[in-house]
Amino acid sequence: MSEKEIEAENNLHLQKYHNYWNKSTSPPEEQKATDDAYRQAFERFPEIYHSIGWSDNEDIVFNAENLAAHRELLIEAIFTMEVQRMDFLDSDGGREKSRALFEYSRLPRLLTILTRLENRRYDCVECRDGQCVDWRVYNADTILKVLIQAGRASQKAKLTDGLNNTSLEDLLKQCYARRILSQDELKSPVHLLYQFHLIYDCLAALVLTTRYMELRDPLTYTFYLRYKSLPIHQIFQMVQSHYKLTDGQDDFPPFPLEESPAPSFSPAQFNLSYLQDFGDLAIEWTDSLSEHLTIFTGPHRNALRVFAHPTYLYNGHDLLHSEHDYFQPTFIDLPQAPIPSPKPNPKPNPHRTPFNQILSSPFLTRLSLPPTLQTTFNLSHPSTTIKPLGPCHQTKITSAPMRDILSLHPYYPEDIRFMMRAVFEHDLSMQDQPFIRFAYFGPRLRMIKTFLDSKRPSTLRQVWVDRRDAREWWRFWGSVLFMLMVGMGVWGVVVAVAVAVAVYRI
């Protein structure tokens, strides 16, 4: 393709994206807030990379100049599908009403994708037998153009079955045709290997359904040649099958649970307070939907992980199948069950209650800011408050409370509004199988409840909040109160006798 043809193709894609927003114009103040957020985030990308990335390299390829130059095409390529899906999936009107707010809300996810690619680029330094070879041969312009092609390819699907049949070979040929990659540079098999690596890394960085590994997936030159014509979704399935065989080697495995014959928590008691006060669980944010509502255990702490990018479900991925489901996606599951509610119903409705009032509720003292969102908008000194779980670990924790999001008023990312709606609207108080309607997350909610049911209180605080058996609770604390009263009575008698003796001696 000639330069004019490439430019015309890009303009055509941009025009289609612009056309989706023809009926909703962005007010100047919203556009300015979005432009400022992107400009500041791109200027701070090295800091953002070190806050949410897991490698310590300083020679970062992305900077404000090259990111700003590709901003429009990146947004169009990666998020156009979500624009198309919002009206169908969010009929109650909770989504963004303008293009500026839509792009403002997608900035944290875009930076997550760029951070993943920068970490993968660092993996290109290969060291064997005391010698290191640097295969970081692609500049920022090349990487971003491949990412744009990968984003567009990932949104193509057949209407018959919803499957995307784009292969690695197809995408490689598209990059050759658009002069992004060159066949002339294939001087050895290693050069072709790293072209495949770049394409695969860009595709994998876009996927938040499964866990993104700290090290590149173990794909070899032979693997690429053998399976280059397979649809990319089948490649991902093969990789996930490999990791399922090594689940037991994880340093932070899922929590082992067993059913308990003891009294269990009622749905009304199944809330965030019990998870933290009685379950002693820390709430961690994750970029992987496969870890959402999953309990993990470590040497010194247990944690419940919560997905930090619920708007990703606008892509229409059906988590129960390998294909896209354009009619009834599992997206419906997430808004009902992102995290257990902070208290039983009734709950304020985000569409009727001022959003600031919801954000100011005591519930927010129970959660920290999602680290990606915190560092994107530079809230509460992210370089010092965001810490990794361990060396080279991509899961981050922060001490910044959720209420610090109020400093973004009046522009809050849709991920936060999504979470608030989910927290305050879903109801677990039904007596007959309260989790049965959650097709995908129901088993995980039951596992959390099983964790609470099987846990025995080990501190006075946990004994106080353990209300599963009301009769036992009143018996214990009644006995404690009785003993205190008896103790105070005995102490009063002792004091009275001591005073009487002292008076008698005088």
Protein backbone atom coordinates (compact mmCIF):
# COMPACT_ATOMS: atom_id res chain seq x y z
CA MET A 1 0.00 0.00 0.00
CA SER A 2 1.16 3.53 -0.75
CA GLU A 3 1.40 6.23 1.89
CA LYS A 4 -1.76 7.86 0.50
CA GLU A 5 -3.69 4.59 0.71
CA ILE A 6 -2.55 4.03 4.28
CA GLU A 7 -3.55 7.55 5.27
CA ALA A 8 -6.92 7.19 3.51
CA GLU A 9 -7.59 3.93 5.37
CA ASN A 10 -6.78 5.53 8.73
CA ASN A 11 -9.01 8.50 7.91
CA LEU A 12 -11.84 6.15 6.99
CA HIS A 13 -11.58 4.34 10.33
CA LEU A 14 -11.47 7.66 12.19
CA GLN A 15 -14.49 8.94 10.31
CA LYS A 16 -16.51 5.86 11.29
CA TYR A 17 -15.52 6.44 14.91
CA HIS A 18 -16.47 10.13 14.69
CA ASN A 19 -19.83 9.24 13.17
CA TYR A 20 -20.82 7.29 16.29
CA TRP A 21 -20.70 10.56 18.25
CA ASN A 22 -22.47 12.82 15.77
CA LYS A 23 -25.61 13.02 17.93
CA SER A 24 -23.73 13.92 21.13
CA THR A 25 -21.29 16.80 21.20
CA SER A 26 -18.78 17.28 23.98
CA PRO A 27 -19.03 20.55 25.93
CA PRO A 28 -15.77 22.58 25.89
CA GLU A 29 -15.12 21.97 29.60
CA GLU A 30 -15.41 18.18 29.15
CA GLN A 31 -13.12 18.23 26.13
CA LYS A 32 -10.57 20.32 28.03
CA ALA A 33 -10.66 17.94 31.01
CA THR A 34 -10.07 14.97 28.69
CA ASP A 35 -7.27 16.66 26.75
CA ASP A 36 -5.57 17.70 29.99
CA ALA A 37 -5.85 14.19 31.41
CA TYR A 38 -4.27 12.62 28.31
CA ARG A 39 -1.54 15.25 28.06
CA GLN A 40 -0.56 14.93 31.72
CA ALA A 41 -0.69 11.12 31.66
CA PHE A 42 1.47 10.92 28.53
CA GLU A 43 3.99 13.33 30.06
CA ARG A 44 4.06 11.23 33.22
CA PHE A 45 4.21 7.86 31.45
CA PRO A 46 7.63 6.87 32.89
CA GLU A 47 6.25 7.45 36.39
CA ILE A 48 3.05 5.56 35.55
CA TYR A 49 5.10 2.70 34.12
CA HIS A 50 7.15 2.36 37.30
CA SER A 51 3.99 2.58 39.45
CA ILE A 52 1.94 -0.17 37.79
CA GLY A 53 4.60 -2.01 35.77
CA TRP A 54 6.80 -4.79 37.11
CA SER A 55 10.15 -4.21 35.37
CA ASP A 56 12.73 -1.66 36.49
CA ASN A 57 14.19 -0.53 33.16
CA GLU A 58 14.69 3.21 32.65
CA ASP A 59 15.04 3.29 28.83
CA ILE A 60 11.30 3.59 28.22
CA VAL A 61 10.37 3.81 24.54
CA PHE A 62 7.00 5.58 24.92
CA ASN A 63 6.95 9.31 25.59
CA ALA A 64 4.51 12.20 25.40
CA GLU A 65 5.38 13.01 21.80
CA ASN A 66 4.87 9.60 20.20
CA LEU A 67 1.83 8.76 22.35
CA ALA A 68 0.11 12.05 21.51
CA ALA A 69 0.80 11.51 17.80
CA HIS A 70 -1.09 8.18 17.83
CA ARG A 71 -3.76 9.05 20.42
CA GLU A 72 -6.76 9.26 18.07
CA LEU A 73 -5.90 6.09 16.17
CA LEU A 74 -5.25 4.15 19.39
CA ILE A 75 -8.63 5.11 20.83
CA GLU A 76 -10.40 4.33 17.56
CA ALA A 77 -8.70 0.95 17.12
CA ILE A 78 -9.06 -0.31 20.67
CA PHE A 79 -12.39 1.11 21.88
CA THR A 80 -14.68 1.49 18.84
CA MET A 81 -16.41 -1.80 19.65
CA GLU A 82 -17.39 -0.44 23.06
CA VAL A 83 -19.01 2.63 21.51
CA GLN A 84 -21.16 0.39 19.33
CA ARG A 85 -22.13 -1.85 22.23
CA MET A 86 -23.00 0.76 24.86
CA ASP A 87 -26.51 1.62 23.67
CA PHE A 88 -27.52 -2.04 23.53
CA LEU A 89 -25.98 -3.11 26.85
CA ASP A 90 -26.66 0.00 28.91
CA SER A 91 -30.24 0.90 28.12
CA ASP A 92 -30.81 2.60 31.50
CA GLY A 93 -28.58 5.50 30.48
CA GLY A 94 -25.75 5.10 32.97
CA ARG A 95 -23.03 5.34 30.32
CA GLU A 96 -21.11 8.40 29.15
CA LYS A 97 -23.10 10.88 27.14
CA SER A 98 -20.23 12.40 25.15
CA ARG A 99 -17.13 11.34 23.29
CA ALA A 100 -14.89 13.34 25.65
CA LEU A 101 -16.17 11.51 28.73
CA PHE A 102 -15.91 8.17 26.95
CA GLU A 103 -12.24 8.75 26.10
CA TYR A 104 -11.60 10.15 29.59
CA SER A 105 -12.88 6.91 31.12
CA ARG A 106 -10.75 4.71 28.81
CA LEU A 107 -7.45 6.40 29.67
CA PRO A 108 -6.59 4.06 32.61
CA ARG A 109 -7.10 0.98 30.42
CA LEU A 110 -5.07 2.46 27.55
CA LEU A 111 -2.17 3.11 29.95
CA THR A 112 -2.47 -0.44 31.28
CA ILE A 113 -2.09 -1.77 27.72
CA LEU A 114 0.92 0.49 27.03
CA THR A 115 2.52 -0.55 30.32
CA ARG A 116 2.14 -4.20 29.38
CA LEU A 117 3.85 -3.61 26.03
CA GLU A 118 6.70 -1.72 27.66
CA ASN A 119 7.24 -4.63 30.04
CA ARG A 120 7.19 -7.07 27.12
CA ARG A 121 9.75 -4.94 25.31
CA TYR A 122 12.07 -5.36 28.29
CA ASP A 123 11.70 -9.15 27.88
CA CYS A 124 13.54 -8.82 24.56
CA VAL A 125 16.86 -8.60 26.43
CA GLU A 126 18.02 -12.22 26.38
CA CYS A 127 20.87 -13.37 28.60
CA ARG A 128 22.50 -16.78 28.28
CA ASP A 129 25.86 -18.06 29.49
CA GLY A 130 26.79 -14.67 30.90
CA GLN A 131 26.11 -12.82 27.63
CA CYS A 132 23.13 -10.58 26.86
CA VAL A 133 21.63 -9.83 23.45
CA ASP A 134 19.28 -6.88 23.07
CA TRP A 135 16.45 -7.62 20.63
CA ARG A 136 14.57 -4.39 21.33
CA VAL A 137 14.77 -3.46 17.66
CA TYR A 138 11.35 -1.79 17.29
CA ASN A 139 10.80 1.87 18.07
CA ALA A 140 7.66 3.38 19.61
CA ASP A 141 6.18 4.31 16.24
CA THR A 142 6.35 0.69 15.02
CA ILE A 143 4.97 -0.78 18.24
CA LEU A 144 2.03 1.64 18.35
CA LYS A 145 1.17 1.03 14.68
CA VAL A 146 1.17 -2.74 15.26
CA LEU A 147 -1.02 -2.19 18.33
CA ILE A 148 -3.47 -0.20 16.20
CA GLN A 149 -3.66 -3.02 13.65
CA ALA A 150 -4.07 -5.58 16.45
CA GLY A 151 -6.88 -3.51 17.99
CA ARG A 152 -8.77 -3.33 14.71
CA ALA A 153 -8.23 -7.04 14.03
CA SER A 154 -9.47 -8.03 17.50
CA GLN A 155 -12.83 -6.35 16.85
CA LYS A 156 -13.60 -8.32 13.70
CA ALA A 157 -16.03 -11.18 14.13
CA LYS A 158 -18.37 -13.23 11.96
CA LEU A 159 -22.07 -12.64 12.42
CA THR A 160 -22.79 -16.39 12.25
CA ASP A 161 -20.87 -17.50 15.33
CA GLY A 162 -19.22 -14.35 16.68
CA LEU A 163 -15.73 -15.82 16.27
CA ASN A 164 -12.73 -13.81 15.19
CA ASN A 165 -10.82 -15.83 12.61
CA THR A 166 -7.89 -13.45 12.23
CA SER A 167 -4.61 -15.35 12.50
CA LEU A 168 -1.09 -14.26 13.38
CA GLU A 169 -0.13 -14.73 9.75
CA ASP A 170 -3.00 -12.49 8.58
CA LEU A 171 -1.96 -9.74 10.93
CA LEU A 172 1.69 -10.09 9.94
CA LYS A 173 0.76 -9.70 6.27
CA GLN A 174 -1.32 -6.62 7.11
CA CYS A 175 1.70 -5.10 8.82
CA TYR A 176 3.86 -5.88 5.77
CA ALA A 177 1.28 -4.32 3.42
CA ARG A 178 1.10 -1.14 5.51
CA ARG A 179 4.89 -0.86 5.76
CA ILE A 180 4.83 -1.21 9.53
CA LEU A 181 7.08 -4.28 9.48
CA SER A 182 9.45 -5.22 6.67
CA GLN A 183 10.29 -8.55 5.12
CA ASP A 184 13.67 -7.13 4.13
CA GLU A 185 14.82 -7.24 7.76
CA LEU A 186 14.35 -11.01 7.98
CA LYS A 187 18.04 -11.83 7.98
CA SER A 188 17.66 -14.79 10.35
CA PRO A 189 14.86 -16.84 11.94
CA VAL A 190 15.23 -14.76 15.11
CA HIS A 191 14.04 -11.64 13.25
CA LEU A 192 10.84 -13.41 12.18
CA LEU A 193 10.43 -14.76 15.72
CA TYR A 194 10.43 -11.24 17.16
CA GLN A 195 7.99 -10.01 14.55
CA PHE A 196 5.61 -12.74 15.69
CA HIS A 197 6.41 -11.84 19.30
CA LEU A 198 5.48 -8.20 18.70
CA ILE A 199 2.17 -9.09 17.05
CA TYR A 200 1.26 -11.63 19.71
CA ASP A 201 2.24 -9.24 22.53
CA CYS A 202 0.00 -6.51 21.12
CA LEU A 203 -2.95 -8.90 20.85
CA ALA A 204 -2.39 -10.30 24.34
CA ALA A 205 -2.06 -6.82 25.87
CA LEU A 206 -5.60 -6.01 24.74
CA VAL A 207 -7.12 -9.01 26.56
CA LEU A 208 -8.18 -8.45 30.16
CA THR A 209 -10.23 -11.65 30.40
CA THR A 210 -7.29 -13.79 31.52
CA ARG A 211 -4.26 -13.06 33.66
CA TYR A 212 -1.42 -11.28 31.88
CA MET A 213 1.79 -13.00 32.91
CA GLU A 214 4.88 -11.17 34.10
CA LEU A 215 6.97 -13.09 31.54
CA ARG A 216 6.09 -13.58 27.89
CA ASP A 217 4.10 -16.69 27.12
CA PRO A 218 6.47 -19.55 26.16
CA LEU A 219 5.91 -19.47 22.38
CA THR A 220 8.81 -20.62 20.21
CA TYR A 221 9.77 -20.07 16.59
CA THR A 222 8.56 -23.59 15.75
CA PHE A 223 5.24 -22.94 17.49
CA TYR A 224 4.64 -19.79 15.45
CA LEU A 225 5.45 -21.52 12.15
CA ARG A 226 3.19 -24.46 12.95
CA TYR A 227 0.19 -22.50 14.20
CA LYS A 228 0.51 -19.14 12.44
CA SER A 229 -2.60 -19.81 10.33
CA LEU A 230 -4.84 -20.69 13.32
CA PRO A 231 -7.34 -18.06 14.56
CA ILE A 232 -5.83 -16.08 17.39
CA HIS A 233 -8.54 -17.17 19.86
CA GLN A 234 -7.37 -20.76 19.42
CA ILE A 235 -3.78 -19.70 20.16
CA PHE A 236 -4.98 -18.09 23.38
CA GLN A 237 -6.87 -21.26 24.30
CA MET A 238 -3.74 -23.34 23.82
CA VAL A 239 -1.73 -20.99 26.02
CA GLN A 240 -4.38 -21.07 28.75
CA SER A 241 -4.43 -24.87 28.62
CA HIS A 242 -0.70 -24.82 29.25
CA TYR A 243 -1.08 -22.57 32.28
CA LYS A 244 -3.87 -24.70 33.74
CA LEU A 245 -1.34 -27.53 33.97
CA THR A 246 0.96 -25.33 36.07
CA ASP A 247 -1.63 -23.81 38.43
CA GLY A 248 -0.12 -25.56 41.41
CA GLN A 249 3.17 -23.74 40.91
CA ASP A 250 1.67 -20.30 41.66
CA ASP A 251 3.24 -18.58 44.69
CA PHE A 252 -0.13 -17.01 45.52
CA PRO A 253 -2.63 -19.85 44.99
CA PRO A 254 -6.41 -19.68 45.38
CA PHE A 255 -7.62 -20.26 48.92
CA PRO A 256 -8.53 -23.92 49.73
CA LEU A 257 -12.08 -24.16 51.04
CA GLU A 258 -14.24 -26.83 52.58
CA GLU A 259 -17.92 -26.93 53.44
CA SER A 260 -18.69 -26.33 57.11
CA PRO A 261 -21.56 -27.97 59.04
CA ALA A 262 -21.63 -24.98 61.42
CA PRO A 263 -24.23 -22.17 61.10
CA SER A 264 -23.73 -20.14 57.95
CA PHE A 265 -24.03 -16.47 57.07
CA SER A 266 -27.34 -15.30 55.69
CA PRO A 267 -27.35 -13.29 52.47
CA ALA A 268 -28.10 -10.12 54.45
CA GLN A 269 -24.84 -10.60 56.35
CA PHE A 270 -22.83 -11.32 53.23
CA ASN A 271 -21.16 -7.95 52.78
CA LEU A 272 -17.86 -6.14 52.61
CA SER A 273 -17.71 -5.46 56.34
CA TYR A 274 -17.81 -9.16 57.17
CA LEU A 275 -15.18 -9.96 54.55
CA GLN A 276 -12.77 -7.52 56.16
CA ASP A 277 -13.71 -7.66 59.85
CA PHE A 278 -14.53 -11.35 60.20
CA GLY A 279 -12.88 -12.86 57.12
CA ASP A 280 -9.71 -10.80 57.60
CA LEU A 281 -9.53 -10.32 53.81
CA ALA A 282 -7.71 -7.46 52.14
CA ILE A 283 -9.37 -6.08 48.98
CA GLU A 284 -6.97 -6.01 46.03
CA TRP A 285 -7.64 -4.66 42.56
CA THR A 286 -6.74 -6.75 39.53
CA ASP A 287 -6.53 -6.18 35.78
CA SER A 288 -7.58 -9.77 35.12
CA LEU A 289 -11.25 -10.69 34.96
CA SER A 290 -10.33 -14.34 35.62
CA GLU A 291 -9.24 -13.31 39.14
CA HIS A 292 -12.38 -11.29 39.89
CA LEU A 293 -14.05 -12.31 43.20
CA THR A 294 -11.37 -14.93 43.84
CA ILE A 295 -9.78 -15.42 47.26
CA PHE A 296 -6.00 -15.74 47.25
CA THR A 297 -3.78 -16.75 50.11
CA GLY A 298 -0.22 -15.77 50.95
CA PRO A 299 2.29 -16.28 53.76
CA HIS A 300 1.13 -13.26 55.79
CA ARG A 301 -2.17 -12.13 54.25
CA ASN A 302 -5.33 -13.27 52.52
CA ALA A 303 -6.99 -11.20 49.82
CA LEU A 304 -10.09 -10.94 47.67
CA ARG A 305 -9.35 -9.57 44.22
CA VAL A 306 -11.76 -7.30 42.37
CA PHE A 307 -11.67 -6.43 38.66
CA ALA A 308 -10.75 -2.76 38.19
CA HIS A 309 -11.99 -2.26 34.58
CA PRO A 310 -15.69 -3.25 34.42
CA THR A 311 -16.21 -1.18 31.23
CA TYR A 312 -14.09 -3.82 29.49
CA LEU A 313 -17.27 -5.92 29.41
CA TYR A 314 -18.63 -3.53 26.77
CA ASN A 315 -16.49 -5.54 24.35
CA GLY A 316 -19.19 -8.18 24.48
CA HIS A 317 -16.97 -11.07 25.54
CA ASP A 318 -18.94 -14.02 26.75
CA LEU A 319 -16.92 -15.55 29.56
CA LEU A 320 -18.77 -18.85 29.33
CA HIS A 321 -17.72 -19.44 25.73
CA SER A 322 -14.74 -18.70 23.53
CA GLU A 323 -16.77 -16.52 21.18
CA HIS A 324 -18.42 -13.12 21.38
CA ASP A 325 -22.09 -13.27 22.33
CA TYR A 326 -23.85 -10.36 20.69
CA PHE A 327 -27.26 -11.10 22.18
CA GLN A 328 -26.86 -12.08 25.83
CA PRO A 329 -23.23 -11.62 26.90
CA THR A 330 -21.93 -12.30 30.37
CA PHE A 331 -21.62 -8.53 30.64
CA ILE A 332 -25.00 -8.73 32.34
CA ASP A 333 -23.37 -10.66 35.20
CA LEU A 334 -20.76 -8.10 36.20
CA PRO A 335 -22.96 -5.09 36.95
CA GLN A 336 -24.89 -7.29 39.35
CA ALA A 337 -21.93 -8.77 41.22
CA PRO A 338 -18.63 -6.88 41.08
CA ILE A 339 -18.16 -6.85 44.86
CA PRO A 340 -20.33 -7.84 47.82
CA SER A 341 -22.44 -4.94 49.02
CA PRO A 342 -21.30 -2.86 52.01
CA LYS A 343 -24.65 -3.26 53.77
CA PRO A 344 -28.03 -4.95 53.24
CA ASN A 345 -30.78 -3.28 51.23
CA PRO A 346 -32.22 -0.70 50.93
CA LYS A 347 -29.40 1.02 49.07
CA PRO A 348 -29.36 4.41 47.35
CA ASN A 349 -29.88 4.35 43.61
CA PRO A 350 -26.97 6.06 41.79
CA HIS A 351 -29.39 7.44 39.20
CA ARG A 352 -31.47 9.14 41.90
CA THR A 353 -28.86 9.83 44.58
CA PRO A 354 -26.17 12.47 43.91
CA PHE A 355 -22.97 10.71 42.96
CA ASN A 356 -20.94 12.73 45.46
CA GLN A 357 -23.23 11.50 48.23
CA ILE A 358 -22.60 7.91 47.22
CA LEU A 359 -18.86 8.47 47.00
CA SER A 360 -18.87 10.14 50.41
CA SER A 361 -20.59 7.18 52.07
CA PRO A 362 -18.75 5.18 54.78
CA PHE A 363 -18.45 2.37 52.24
CA LEU A 364 -15.50 4.15 50.61
CA THR A 365 -13.45 3.92 53.79
CA ARG A 366 -13.49 0.16 53.18
CA LEU A 367 -11.79 0.32 49.77
CA SER A 368 -8.58 1.69 48.34
CA LEU A 369 -8.23 3.40 44.99
CA PRO A 370 -7.57 1.09 42.03
CA PRO A 371 -3.81 1.64 41.48
CA THR A 372 -4.19 2.07 37.71
CA LEU A 373 -6.78 4.79 38.18
CA GLN A 374 -4.76 6.42 40.94
CA THR A 375 -1.58 6.74 38.92
CA THR A 376 -3.44 7.70 35.72
CA PHE A 377 -4.96 10.77 37.33
CA ASN A 378 -2.05 11.37 39.73
CA LEU A 379 -4.04 11.04 42.95
CA SER A 380 -2.49 10.80 46.42
CA HIS A 381 1.19 10.54 45.42
CA PRO A 382 1.06 7.25 43.47
CA SER A 383 4.87 6.90 43.25
CA THR A 384 5.05 6.46 47.04
CA THR A 385 1.69 4.90 47.98
CA ILE A 386 1.48 2.17 45.31
CA LYS A 387 3.48 -0.93 46.21
CA PRO A 388 3.82 -4.35 44.51
CA LEU A 389 2.93 -7.55 46.33
CA GLY A 390 6.47 -8.75 45.68
CA PRO A 391 9.47 -8.29 43.41
CA CYS A 392 8.45 -8.26 39.73
CA HIS A 393 4.78 -8.77 40.69
CA GLN A 394 2.14 -7.03 38.60
CA THR A 395 -0.53 -6.96 41.34
CA LYS A 396 -0.29 -3.66 43.19
CA ILE A 397 -1.72 -2.39 46.46
CA THR A 398 -2.11 1.18 47.62
CA SER A 399 -2.86 2.95 50.89
CA ALA A 400 -4.85 5.70 49.15
CA PRO A 401 -8.58 5.46 50.09
CA MET A 402 -11.33 5.47 47.49
CA ARG A 403 -12.67 8.78 48.77
CA ASP A 404 -9.67 10.51 47.16
CA ILE A 405 -11.51 10.05 43.85
CA LEU A 406 -13.64 13.02 44.91
CA SER A 407 -10.80 15.32 43.83
CA LEU A 408 -11.73 14.50 40.21
CA HIS A 409 -15.15 16.14 40.61
CA PRO A 410 -17.18 16.52 38.44
CA TYR A 411 -15.55 14.05 36.01
CA TYR A 412 -15.40 10.50 37.32
CA PRO A 413 -14.26 7.55 35.14
CA GLU A 414 -17.14 5.30 34.17
CA ASP A 415 -15.44 2.33 35.85
CA ILE A 416 -16.10 4.01 39.21
CA ARG A 417 -19.73 4.81 38.37
CA PHE A 418 -20.11 1.23 37.13
CA MET A 419 -18.87 -0.12 40.47
CA MET A 420 -21.09 2.18 42.53
CA ARG A 421 -24.17 1.19 40.54
CA ALA A 422 -23.34 -2.48 40.98
CA VAL A 423 -22.63 -2.17 44.70
CA PHE A 424 -25.79 -0.26 45.54
CA GLU A 425 -28.29 -1.94 43.24
CA HIS A 426 -27.84 -5.70 43.46
CA ASP A 427 -29.75 -7.64 46.09
CA LEU A 428 -28.55 -10.84 47.76
CA SER A 429 -31.38 -11.03 50.29
CA MET A 430 -33.42 -13.68 48.49
CA GLN A 431 -33.79 -16.75 50.65
CA ASP A 432 -33.79 -19.37 47.87
CA GLN A 433 -30.40 -19.68 46.19
CA PRO A 434 -29.45 -15.98 46.27
CA PHE A 435 -26.55 -16.55 43.83
CA ILE A 436 -28.33 -18.73 41.31
CA ARG A 437 -28.92 -15.93 38.80
CA PHE A 438 -25.19 -15.16 38.47
CA ALA A 439 -24.29 -17.47 35.59
CA TYR A 440 -20.54 -16.82 35.69
CA PHE A 441 -19.75 -15.26 39.08
CA GLY A 442 -22.24 -17.31 41.10
CA PRO A 443 -19.71 -20.07 41.97
CA ARG A 444 -17.20 -17.46 43.10
CA LEU A 445 -19.78 -15.75 45.32
CA ARG A 446 -20.64 -19.12 46.83
CA MET A 447 -16.94 -19.75 47.43
CA ILE A 448 -16.64 -16.46 49.31
CA LYS A 449 -19.65 -17.39 51.41
CA THR A 450 -18.14 -20.83 52.04
CA PHE A 451 -14.98 -19.10 53.22
CA LEU A 452 -16.97 -17.04 55.72
CA ASP A 453 -18.98 -20.08 56.83
CA SER A 454 -15.91 -22.24 57.42
CA LYS A 455 -13.89 -19.60 59.27
CA ARG A 456 -13.74 -19.74 63.04
CA PRO A 457 -13.37 -16.47 65.00
CA SER A 458 -9.93 -16.09 66.53
CA THR A 459 -10.11 -12.57 68.03
CA LEU A 460 -12.63 -10.71 70.18
CA ARG A 461 -13.40 -8.45 67.21
CA GLN A 462 -14.27 -11.47 65.08
CA VAL A 463 -16.35 -12.94 67.91
CA TRP A 464 -18.24 -9.64 68.10
CA VAL A 465 -19.11 -9.51 64.40
CA ASP A 466 -19.87 -13.25 64.09
CA ARG A 467 -23.70 -13.16 64.14
CA ARG A 468 -24.35 -16.47 62.39
CA ASP A 469 -25.83 -18.09 65.53
CA ALA A 470 -27.75 -15.38 67.38
CA ARG A 471 -28.43 -17.64 70.38
CA GLU A 472 -24.76 -18.50 70.74
CA TRP A 473 -23.78 -14.85 70.30
CA TRP A 474 -26.13 -13.67 73.05
CA ARG A 475 -25.08 -16.54 75.31
CA PHE A 476 -21.37 -15.68 74.95
CA TRP A 477 -21.66 -11.93 75.34
CA GLY A 478 -24.31 -12.31 78.06
CA SER A 479 -21.83 -14.48 79.96
CA VAL A 480 -19.13 -11.87 79.42
CA LEU A 481 -21.44 -9.13 80.69
CA PHE A 482 -22.46 -11.25 83.68
CA MET A 483 -18.82 -11.96 84.56
CA LEU A 484 -18.01 -8.27 84.30
CA MET A 485 -20.88 -7.39 86.58
CA VAL A 486 -19.82 -10.08 89.06
CA GLY A 487 -16.24 -8.88 88.88
CA MET A 488 -17.30 -5.29 89.47
CA GLY A 489 -19.51 -6.43 92.37
CA VAL A 490 -16.64 -8.38 93.96
CA TRP A 491 -14.33 -5.45 93.42
CA GLY A 492 -16.89 -3.14 95.07
CA VAL A 493 -17.15 -5.47 98.08
CA VAL A 494 -13.34 -5.65 98.39
CA VAL A 495 -13.03 -1.88 98.22
CA ALA A 496 -15.83 -1.43 100.80
CA VAL A 497 -14.17 -3.91 103.19
CA ALA A 498 -10.79 -2.23 102.73
CA VAL A 499 -12.30 1.18 103.49
CA ALA A 500 -14.11 -0.18 106.56
CA VAL A 501 -10.91 -1.78 107.91
CA ALA A 502 -9.00 1.43 107.32
CA VAL A 503 -11.67 3.48 109.19
CA TYR A 504 -11.71 0.97 112.07
CA ARG A 505 -7.93 1.19 112.49
CA ILE A 506 -8.09 4.96 112.61
